[in-house]
Amino acid sequence: MGMIQEFKTFAMRGNVVDMAVGIIIGGAFGKIVSSFVADVIMPPIGILIGGVDFSNLAIVLKEAVGDVAAVTINYGAFIQTVLDFIIIAFAIFMAIKAMNSLKKEKEETPEEPPAPSKEETLLTEIRDVLQQK
């Protein structure tokens, strides 16, 4: 089997396709969460602590000189990123918790064995009659 054929077989497996879809949806979800944190959560928090805009919070290590930009540590952006992570981690935790509870419910309900077919019933009756003789 050629390398291209092996790659095609690998890439078209259900797991790889599912993973690709998950990554795409995860990227979009990450953008939504980033916007939620930056545009919805951080402004009220900034107002509560005195009108602070977190995106502008920084420690200046070296002032700007002429055309050279200032060297800063942007800890406000870091705080927003940490909140993004916490929200995404919580959402994933809740999704996994829901999946695990569904899995437990499935494990707790034992499946009944299927009813024997007509052939099996007939063969059982023939066996019983032969054992009696």
Protein backbone atom coordinates (compact mmCIF):
# COMPACT_ATOMS: atom_id res chain seq x y z
CA MET A 1 0.00 0.00 0.00
CA GLY A 2 1.42 3.35 -1.00
CA MET A 3 2.05 6.16 1.43
CA ILE A 4 -0.73 8.28 -0.09
CA GLN A 5 -3.24 5.44 0.28
CA GLU A 6 -2.16 4.87 3.91
CA PHE A 7 -2.56 8.58 4.66
CA LYS A 8 -6.00 8.60 3.01
CA THR A 9 -7.06 5.62 5.14
CA PHE A 10 -5.74 7.32 8.28
CA ALA A 11 -7.30 10.70 7.52
CA MET A 12 -10.72 9.29 6.72
CA ARG A 13 -11.08 7.33 9.96
CA GLY A 14 -14.01 8.45 12.06
CA ASN A 15 -11.79 9.48 14.99
CA VAL A 16 -9.60 11.80 12.92
CA VAL A 17 -12.59 13.48 11.27
CA ASP A 18 -14.33 13.85 14.65
CA MET A 19 -11.15 15.36 16.10
CA ALA A 20 -10.90 17.85 13.22
CA VAL A 21 -14.51 18.93 13.72
CA GLY A 22 -13.84 19.30 17.47
CA ILE A 23 -10.79 21.47 16.85
CA ILE A 24 -12.71 23.75 14.48
CA ILE A 25 -15.63 24.10 16.91
CA GLY A 26 -13.18 24.57 19.79
CA GLY A 27 -11.46 27.42 17.95
CA ALA A 28 -14.77 29.15 17.37
CA PHE A 29 -15.79 28.54 20.99
CA GLY A 30 -12.49 30.05 22.14
CA LYS A 31 -13.19 33.22 20.15
CA ILE A 32 -16.67 33.46 21.67
CA VAL A 33 -15.29 33.06 25.18
CA SER A 34 -12.55 35.64 24.53
CA SER A 35 -15.13 38.13 23.35
CA PHE A 36 -17.37 37.31 26.31
CA VAL A 37 -14.55 37.94 28.77
CA ALA A 38 -13.17 41.06 27.08
CA ASP A 39 -16.49 42.68 26.15
CA VAL A 40 -18.96 41.50 28.81
CA ILE A 41 -17.14 40.44 32.00
CA MET A 42 -14.12 42.73 32.20
CA PRO A 43 -15.87 46.14 31.77
CA PRO A 44 -18.15 45.68 34.84
CA ILE A 45 -15.23 44.35 36.87
CA GLY A 46 -13.20 47.40 35.79
CA ILE A 47 -16.02 49.72 36.90
CA LEU A 48 -16.30 47.94 40.26
CA ILE A 49 -12.61 48.46 41.00
CA GLY A 50 -12.54 52.10 39.99
CA GLY A 51 -12.96 52.42 36.23
CA VAL A 52 -9.94 50.34 35.26
CA ASP A 53 -9.65 49.14 31.66
CA PHE A 54 -7.90 45.79 31.96
CA SER A 55 -6.67 45.77 28.37
CA ASN A 56 -4.52 48.83 29.16
CA LEU A 57 -3.01 47.54 32.40
CA ALA A 58 0.74 47.22 31.97
CA ILE A 59 4.04 47.77 33.71
CA VAL A 60 6.38 49.95 31.66
CA LEU A 61 9.90 48.57 31.69
CA LYS A 62 11.32 51.09 29.24
CA GLU A 63 9.65 54.27 28.00
CA ALA A 64 9.10 54.86 24.30
CA VAL A 65 11.91 56.82 22.66
CA GLY A 66 11.27 58.33 19.23
CA ASP A 67 10.11 55.60 16.85
CA VAL A 68 10.99 52.80 19.29
CA ALA A 69 7.92 51.47 21.13
CA ALA A 70 7.81 51.17 24.90
CA VAL A 71 8.70 47.84 26.50
CA THR A 72 5.82 46.74 28.73
CA ILE A 73 4.50 43.78 30.65
CA ASN A 74 0.81 43.63 29.76
CA TYR A 75 -0.65 41.96 32.81
CA GLY A 76 -4.21 43.17 32.00
CA ALA A 77 -4.22 41.04 28.85
CA PHE A 78 -2.86 38.15 30.93
CA ILE A 79 -5.75 38.49 33.40
CA GLN A 80 -8.22 38.34 30.50
CA THR A 81 -6.50 35.23 29.11
CA VAL A 82 -6.64 33.53 32.52
CA LEU A 83 -10.38 34.25 32.73
CA ASP A 84 -10.80 32.85 29.19
CA PHE A 85 -9.06 29.67 30.30
CA ILE A 86 -11.16 29.33 33.45
CA ILE A 87 -14.41 29.72 31.52
CA ILE A 88 -13.35 27.24 28.80
CA ALA A 89 -12.11 24.75 31.42
CA PHE A 90 -15.40 25.01 33.31
CA ALA A 91 -17.42 24.49 30.12
CA ILE A 92 -15.36 21.40 29.24
CA PHE A 93 -15.73 20.11 32.81
CA MET A 94 -19.52 20.46 32.61
CA ALA A 95 -19.64 18.72 29.21
CA ILE A 96 -17.53 15.79 30.45
CA LYS A 97 -19.58 15.57 33.64
CA ALA A 98 -22.78 15.37 31.56
CA MET A 99 -21.28 12.69 29.31
CA ASN A 100 -20.12 10.66 32.32
CA SER A 101 -23.57 10.83 33.93
CA LEU A 102 -25.15 9.60 30.69
CA LYS A 103 -22.58 6.81 30.53
CA LYS A 104 -23.36 5.76 34.14
CA GLU A 105 -27.09 5.66 33.38
CA LYS A 106 -26.42 3.44 30.40
CA GLU A 107 -24.24 1.10 32.50
CA GLU A 108 -26.79 0.91 35.32
CA THR A 109 -29.67 -0.22 33.10
CA PRO A 110 -28.90 -3.81 32.14
CA GLU A 111 -30.04 -4.77 28.71
CA GLU A 112 -32.45 -7.66 28.48
CA PRO A 113 -31.25 -10.51 26.32
CA PRO A 114 -33.11 -10.67 23.03
CA ALA A 115 -36.02 -13.08 22.85
CA PRO A 116 -35.11 -16.40 21.25
CA SER A 117 -35.99 -16.73 17.59
CA LYS A 118 -38.60 -19.20 16.36
CA GLU A 119 -35.84 -21.56 15.26
CA GLU A 120 -34.21 -21.51 18.69
CA THR A 121 -37.56 -22.13 20.38
CA LEU A 122 -38.31 -25.04 18.05
CA LEU A 123 -34.84 -26.56 18.54
CA THR A 124 -35.20 -26.21 22.32
CA GLU A 125 -38.53 -28.04 22.20
CA ILE A 126 -37.03 -30.82 20.02
CA ARG A 127 -34.11 -31.16 22.46
CA ASP A 128 -36.50 -31.40 25.42
CA VAL A 129 -38.60 -34.07 23.67
CA LEU A 130 -35.47 -36.09 22.83
CA GLN A 131 -34.25 -35.87 26.42
CA GLN A 132 -37.56 -37.23 27.71
CA LYS A 133 -37.29 -40.35 25.49
